[in-house]
């Protein structure tokens, strides 16, 4: 199983566990909450496994997609992502100075 599939599987597991925790606390998990969940995509990994380049995206950051244009091969849907460098033995940080850092 490659790194991307393992990351996707881990992300689904986290969502399932978070939903179970939320329902256990009798707090409603609303569609607005789902729009705030961040999805991470692993882009690359150093050979020693210390650093991971990843993009982080939240659906709420991309509300202006023109869904009528998806049949158009020249259309690129807008996507706001944050590129992060994750030190597997230290803190994560934004890849570029001045980039937004999300929790």
N, C-alpha and C. Protein backbone atom coordinates (compact mmCIF):
# COMPACT_ATOMS: atom_id res chain seq x y z
N UNK A 1 0.86 -1.17 0.00
CA UNK A 1 0.00 0.00 0.00
C UNK A 1 0.90 1.23 0.00
N UNK A 2 0.69 2.14 -0.96
CA UNK A 2 1.57 3.29 -1.05
C UNK A 2 1.20 4.35 -0.01
N UNK A 3 2.02 5.38 0.07
CA UNK A 3 1.87 6.40 1.10
C UNK A 3 0.55 7.15 0.97
N UNK A 4 0.15 7.46 -0.26
CA UNK A 4 -1.09 8.22 -0.47
C UNK A 4 -2.30 7.43 0.00
N UNK A 5 -2.33 6.14 -0.29
CA UNK A 5 -3.46 5.32 0.13
C UNK A 5 -3.49 5.16 1.65
N UNK A 6 -2.32 5.01 2.26
CA UNK A 6 -2.28 4.91 3.72
C UNK A 6 -2.75 6.21 4.36
N UNK A 7 -2.35 7.33 3.77
CA UNK A 7 -2.77 8.63 4.31
C UNK A 7 -4.28 8.80 4.17
N UNK A 8 -4.82 8.41 3.01
CA UNK A 8 -6.27 8.52 2.81
C UNK A 8 -7.01 7.62 3.79
N UNK A 9 -6.51 6.41 4.00
CA UNK A 9 -7.15 5.50 4.94
C UNK A 9 -7.08 6.05 6.36
N UNK A 10 -5.97 6.64 6.72
CA UNK A 10 -5.83 7.25 8.05
C UNK A 10 -6.78 8.42 8.20
N UNK A 11 -6.95 9.22 7.14
CA UNK A 11 -7.86 10.35 7.19
C UNK A 11 -9.30 9.91 7.39
N UNK A 12 -9.70 8.85 6.70
CA UNK A 12 -11.06 8.32 6.86
C UNK A 12 -11.25 7.80 8.27
N UNK A 13 -10.26 7.13 8.80
CA UNK A 13 -10.34 6.61 10.17
C UNK A 13 -10.49 7.75 11.18
N UNK A 14 -9.74 8.82 10.98
CA UNK A 14 -9.84 9.97 11.88
C UNK A 14 -11.24 10.57 11.81
N UNK A 15 -11.80 10.69 10.60
CA UNK A 15 -13.16 11.23 10.47
C UNK A 15 -14.19 10.35 11.17
N UNK A 16 -14.05 9.04 11.02
CA UNK A 16 -14.99 8.12 11.66
C UNK A 16 -14.88 8.22 13.18
N UNK A 17 -13.66 8.25 13.68
CA UNK A 17 -13.47 8.37 15.12
C UNK A 17 -13.96 9.71 15.64
N UNK A 18 -13.72 10.78 14.89
CA UNK A 18 -14.18 12.10 15.32
C UNK A 18 -15.70 12.15 15.34
N UNK A 19 -16.34 11.58 14.33
CA UNK A 19 -17.80 11.57 14.29
C UNK A 19 -18.36 10.77 15.47
N UNK A 20 -17.71 9.67 15.81
CA UNK A 20 -18.15 8.87 16.95
C UNK A 20 -17.98 9.61 18.25
N UNK A 21 -16.89 10.34 18.38
CA UNK A 21 -16.65 11.12 19.59
C UNK A 21 -17.66 12.25 19.72
N UNK A 22 -17.96 12.90 18.60
CA UNK A 22 -18.92 14.01 18.62
C UNK A 22 -20.30 13.49 19.00
N UNK A 23 -20.73 12.36 18.42
CA UNK A 23 -22.06 11.85 18.74
C UNK A 23 -22.10 11.33 20.18
N UNK A 24 -20.98 10.87 20.70
CA UNK A 24 -20.95 10.41 22.08
C UNK A 24 -21.12 11.58 23.05
N UNK A 25 -20.75 12.77 22.62
CA UNK A 25 -20.88 13.95 23.48
C UNK A 25 -22.23 14.63 23.30
N UNK A 26 -23.13 14.06 22.51
CA UNK A 26 -24.44 14.62 22.21
C UNK A 26 -24.36 16.00 21.57
N UNK A 27 -23.30 16.25 20.84
CA UNK A 27 -23.16 17.48 20.08
C UNK A 27 -23.46 17.16 18.62
N UNK A 28 -24.33 17.93 17.98
CA UNK A 28 -24.64 17.62 16.59
C UNK A 28 -23.46 17.95 15.67
N UNK A 29 -23.17 17.05 14.77
CA UNK A 29 -22.15 17.27 13.76
C UNK A 29 -22.88 17.74 12.51
N UNK A 30 -22.79 19.02 12.21
CA UNK A 30 -23.57 19.63 11.15
C UNK A 30 -22.80 19.64 9.82
N UNK A 31 -23.50 19.91 8.72
CA UNK A 31 -22.81 20.06 7.43
C UNK A 31 -21.77 21.18 7.46
N UNK A 32 -22.03 22.24 8.22
CA UNK A 32 -21.05 23.32 8.34
C UNK A 32 -19.76 22.82 8.99
N UNK A 33 -19.89 21.92 9.96
CA UNK A 33 -18.71 21.33 10.59
C UNK A 33 -17.92 20.50 9.57
N UNK A 34 -18.62 19.77 8.71
CA UNK A 34 -17.95 18.94 7.72
C UNK A 34 -17.16 19.80 6.73
N UNK A 35 -17.68 20.99 6.41
CA UNK A 35 -16.97 21.88 5.50
C UNK A 35 -15.67 22.40 6.10
N UNK A 36 -15.54 22.35 7.42
CA UNK A 36 -14.34 22.85 8.10
C UNK A 36 -13.29 21.77 8.33
N UNK A 37 -13.58 20.53 7.97
CA UNK A 37 -12.62 19.44 8.15
C UNK A 37 -11.53 19.57 7.09
N UNK A 38 -10.30 19.55 7.50
CA UNK A 38 -9.17 19.68 6.58
C UNK A 38 -8.78 18.32 6.03
N UNK A 39 -8.53 18.30 4.72
CA UNK A 39 -8.06 17.08 4.06
C UNK A 39 -6.59 17.29 3.71
N UNK A 40 -5.78 16.31 3.99
CA UNK A 40 -4.35 16.41 3.71
C UNK A 40 -3.98 15.41 2.62
N UNK A 41 -3.17 15.88 1.68
CA UNK A 41 -2.66 15.02 0.61
C UNK A 41 -1.15 15.03 0.67
N UNK A 42 -0.57 13.87 0.81
CA UNK A 42 0.88 13.77 0.85
C UNK A 42 1.41 13.88 -0.57
N UNK A 43 2.31 14.84 -0.79
CA UNK A 43 2.87 15.06 -2.12
C UNK A 43 4.20 14.35 -2.31
N UNK A 44 5.03 14.38 -1.28
CA UNK A 44 6.34 13.74 -1.38
C UNK A 44 6.90 13.49 0.01
N UNK A 45 7.87 12.63 0.07
CA UNK A 45 8.51 12.23 1.31
C UNK A 45 10.00 12.13 1.05
N UNK A 46 10.82 12.65 1.97
CA UNK A 46 12.26 12.53 1.79
C UNK A 46 12.67 11.06 1.94
N UNK A 47 13.83 10.73 1.41
CA UNK A 47 14.28 9.33 1.44
C UNK A 47 14.42 8.79 2.86
N UNK A 48 14.83 9.65 3.79
CA UNK A 48 14.98 9.18 5.17
C UNK A 48 13.66 9.22 5.94
N UNK A 49 12.60 9.77 5.34
CA UNK A 49 11.29 9.80 5.99
C UNK A 49 11.12 10.91 7.00
N UNK A 50 12.06 11.83 7.08
CA UNK A 50 11.98 12.88 8.09
C UNK A 50 11.00 13.98 7.69
N UNK A 51 11.02 14.40 6.43
CA UNK A 51 10.17 15.50 6.00
C UNK A 51 9.11 15.03 5.01
N UNK A 52 7.91 15.57 5.18
CA UNK A 52 6.79 15.26 4.30
C UNK A 52 6.29 16.57 3.71
N UNK A 53 6.14 16.62 2.39
CA UNK A 53 5.50 17.77 1.74
C UNK A 53 4.04 17.39 1.55
N UNK A 54 3.14 18.23 2.05
CA UNK A 54 1.72 17.90 1.99
C UNK A 54 0.91 19.14 1.68
N UNK A 55 -0.22 18.94 1.00
CA UNK A 55 -1.16 20.04 0.77
C UNK A 55 -2.37 19.82 1.67
N UNK A 56 -2.82 20.91 2.27
CA UNK A 56 -3.96 20.86 3.19
C UNK A 56 -5.07 21.73 2.59
N UNK A 57 -6.27 21.15 2.52
CA UNK A 57 -7.40 21.83 1.88
C UNK A 57 -8.65 21.63 2.72
N UNK A 58 -9.47 22.70 2.82
CA UNK A 58 -10.77 22.61 3.48
C UNK A 58 -11.84 22.96 2.45
N UNK A 59 -12.93 22.20 2.37
CA UNK A 59 -13.99 22.52 1.40
C UNK A 59 -14.58 23.92 1.56
N UNK A 60 -14.60 24.45 2.78
CA UNK A 60 -15.18 25.77 3.00
C UNK A 60 -14.35 26.87 2.35
N UNK A 61 -13.07 26.61 2.07
CA UNK A 61 -12.21 27.61 1.44
C UNK A 61 -12.46 27.74 -0.06
N UNK A 62 -13.23 26.84 -0.66
CA UNK A 62 -13.45 26.83 -2.10
C UNK A 62 -14.94 26.83 -2.44
N UNK A 63 -15.69 27.85 -2.04
CA UNK A 63 -17.13 27.82 -2.24
C UNK A 63 -17.59 28.24 -3.63
N UNK A 64 -16.72 28.77 -4.49
CA UNK A 64 -17.16 29.35 -5.75
C UNK A 64 -16.85 28.49 -6.96
N UNK A 65 -17.05 27.20 -6.87
CA UNK A 65 -16.81 26.30 -8.00
C UNK A 65 -18.03 26.36 -8.93
N UNK A 66 -17.79 26.55 -10.22
CA UNK A 66 -18.87 26.57 -11.21
C UNK A 66 -19.11 25.13 -11.68
N UNK A 67 -20.02 24.44 -11.04
CA UNK A 67 -20.25 23.02 -11.33
C UNK A 67 -20.81 22.78 -12.73
N UNK A 68 -21.39 23.80 -13.35
CA UNK A 68 -21.91 23.63 -14.71
C UNK A 68 -20.80 23.46 -15.73
N UNK A 69 -19.58 23.83 -15.39
CA UNK A 69 -18.48 23.81 -16.36
C UNK A 69 -17.65 22.53 -16.29
N UNK A 70 -18.03 21.54 -15.51
CA UNK A 70 -17.19 20.36 -15.39
C UNK A 70 -17.13 19.53 -16.67
N UNK A 71 -18.03 19.75 -17.62
CA UNK A 71 -17.93 19.08 -18.92
C UNK A 71 -16.94 19.77 -19.85
N UNK A 72 -16.49 20.95 -19.48
CA UNK A 72 -15.57 21.76 -20.27
C UNK A 72 -14.13 21.32 -19.97
N UNK A 73 -13.41 20.74 -20.94
CA UNK A 73 -12.05 20.26 -20.67
C UNK A 73 -11.05 21.36 -20.36
N UNK A 74 -11.40 22.62 -20.66
CA UNK A 74 -10.47 23.72 -20.39
C UNK A 74 -10.69 24.34 -19.02
N UNK A 75 -11.72 23.87 -18.28
CA UNK A 75 -12.05 24.47 -16.99
C UNK A 75 -11.22 23.86 -15.87
N UNK A 76 -10.59 24.69 -15.09
CA UNK A 76 -9.87 24.26 -13.90
C UNK A 76 -10.60 24.83 -12.69
N UNK A 77 -11.13 23.97 -11.87
CA UNK A 77 -11.86 24.41 -10.68
C UNK A 77 -10.88 25.08 -9.71
N UNK A 78 -11.29 26.20 -9.10
CA UNK A 78 -10.40 26.86 -8.15
C UNK A 78 -10.19 25.99 -6.91
N UNK A 79 -8.99 26.04 -6.41
CA UNK A 79 -8.68 25.24 -5.23
C UNK A 79 -7.64 25.97 -4.39
N UNK A 80 -8.05 26.38 -3.20
CA UNK A 80 -7.14 27.04 -2.27
C UNK A 80 -6.54 25.97 -1.37
N UNK A 81 -5.24 25.80 -1.45
CA UNK A 81 -4.56 24.81 -0.62
C UNK A 81 -3.39 25.48 0.08
N UNK A 82 -2.97 24.89 1.17
CA UNK A 82 -1.79 25.33 1.89
C UNK A 82 -0.74 24.24 1.78
N UNK A 83 0.43 24.59 1.26
CA UNK A 83 1.53 23.65 1.18
C UNK A 83 2.25 23.67 2.52
N UNK A 84 2.41 22.50 3.12
CA UNK A 84 3.09 22.41 4.42
C UNK A 84 4.23 21.42 4.34
N UNK A 85 5.28 21.74 5.07
CA UNK A 85 6.39 20.83 5.26
C UNK A 85 6.25 20.29 6.68
N UNK A 86 6.10 19.00 6.80
CA UNK A 86 5.90 18.38 8.11
C UNK A 86 7.18 17.65 8.49
N UNK A 87 7.75 18.07 9.60
CA UNK A 87 8.92 17.41 10.16
C UNK A 87 8.38 16.29 11.05
N UNK A 88 8.64 15.05 10.69
CA UNK A 88 8.04 13.93 11.41
C UNK A 88 8.57 13.79 12.83
N UNK A 89 9.64 14.51 13.18
CA UNK A 89 10.14 14.48 14.54
C UNK A 89 10.06 15.87 15.18
N UNK A 90 9.41 16.81 14.53
CA UNK A 90 9.31 18.17 15.05
C UNK A 90 7.99 18.81 14.64
N UNK A 91 7.90 20.13 14.73
CA UNK A 91 6.65 20.83 14.41
C UNK A 91 6.43 20.94 12.90
N UNK A 92 5.16 21.13 12.52
CA UNK A 92 4.88 21.38 11.11
C UNK A 92 4.92 22.87 10.88
N UNK A 93 5.19 23.28 9.65
CA UNK A 93 5.25 24.71 9.34
C UNK A 93 4.84 24.92 7.89
N UNK A 94 4.40 26.13 7.59
CA UNK A 94 4.04 26.48 6.22
C UNK A 94 5.31 26.49 5.38
N UNK A 95 5.19 26.08 4.13
CA UNK A 95 6.37 25.98 3.27
C UNK A 95 6.89 27.35 2.84
N UNK A 96 6.00 28.31 2.67
CA UNK A 96 6.39 29.63 2.20
C UNK A 96 6.17 30.67 3.28
N UNK A 97 7.06 31.63 3.38
CA UNK A 97 6.89 32.71 4.34
C UNK A 97 5.61 33.47 4.01
N UNK A 98 4.85 33.82 5.01
CA UNK A 98 3.62 34.56 4.80
C UNK A 98 2.42 33.68 4.48
N UNK A 99 2.61 32.37 4.37
CA UNK A 99 1.48 31.47 4.11
C UNK A 99 0.64 31.34 5.36
N UNK A 100 -0.65 31.08 5.16
CA UNK A 100 -1.53 30.88 6.30
C UNK A 100 -1.19 29.55 6.97
N UNK A 101 -1.19 29.55 8.25
CA UNK A 101 -0.98 28.33 9.02
C UNK A 101 -2.28 27.95 9.70
N UNK A 102 -2.84 26.80 9.36
CA UNK A 102 -4.07 26.34 9.98
C UNK A 102 -3.76 25.35 11.08
N UNK A 103 -4.62 25.27 12.07
CA UNK A 103 -4.40 24.29 13.14
C UNK A 103 -4.57 22.88 12.64
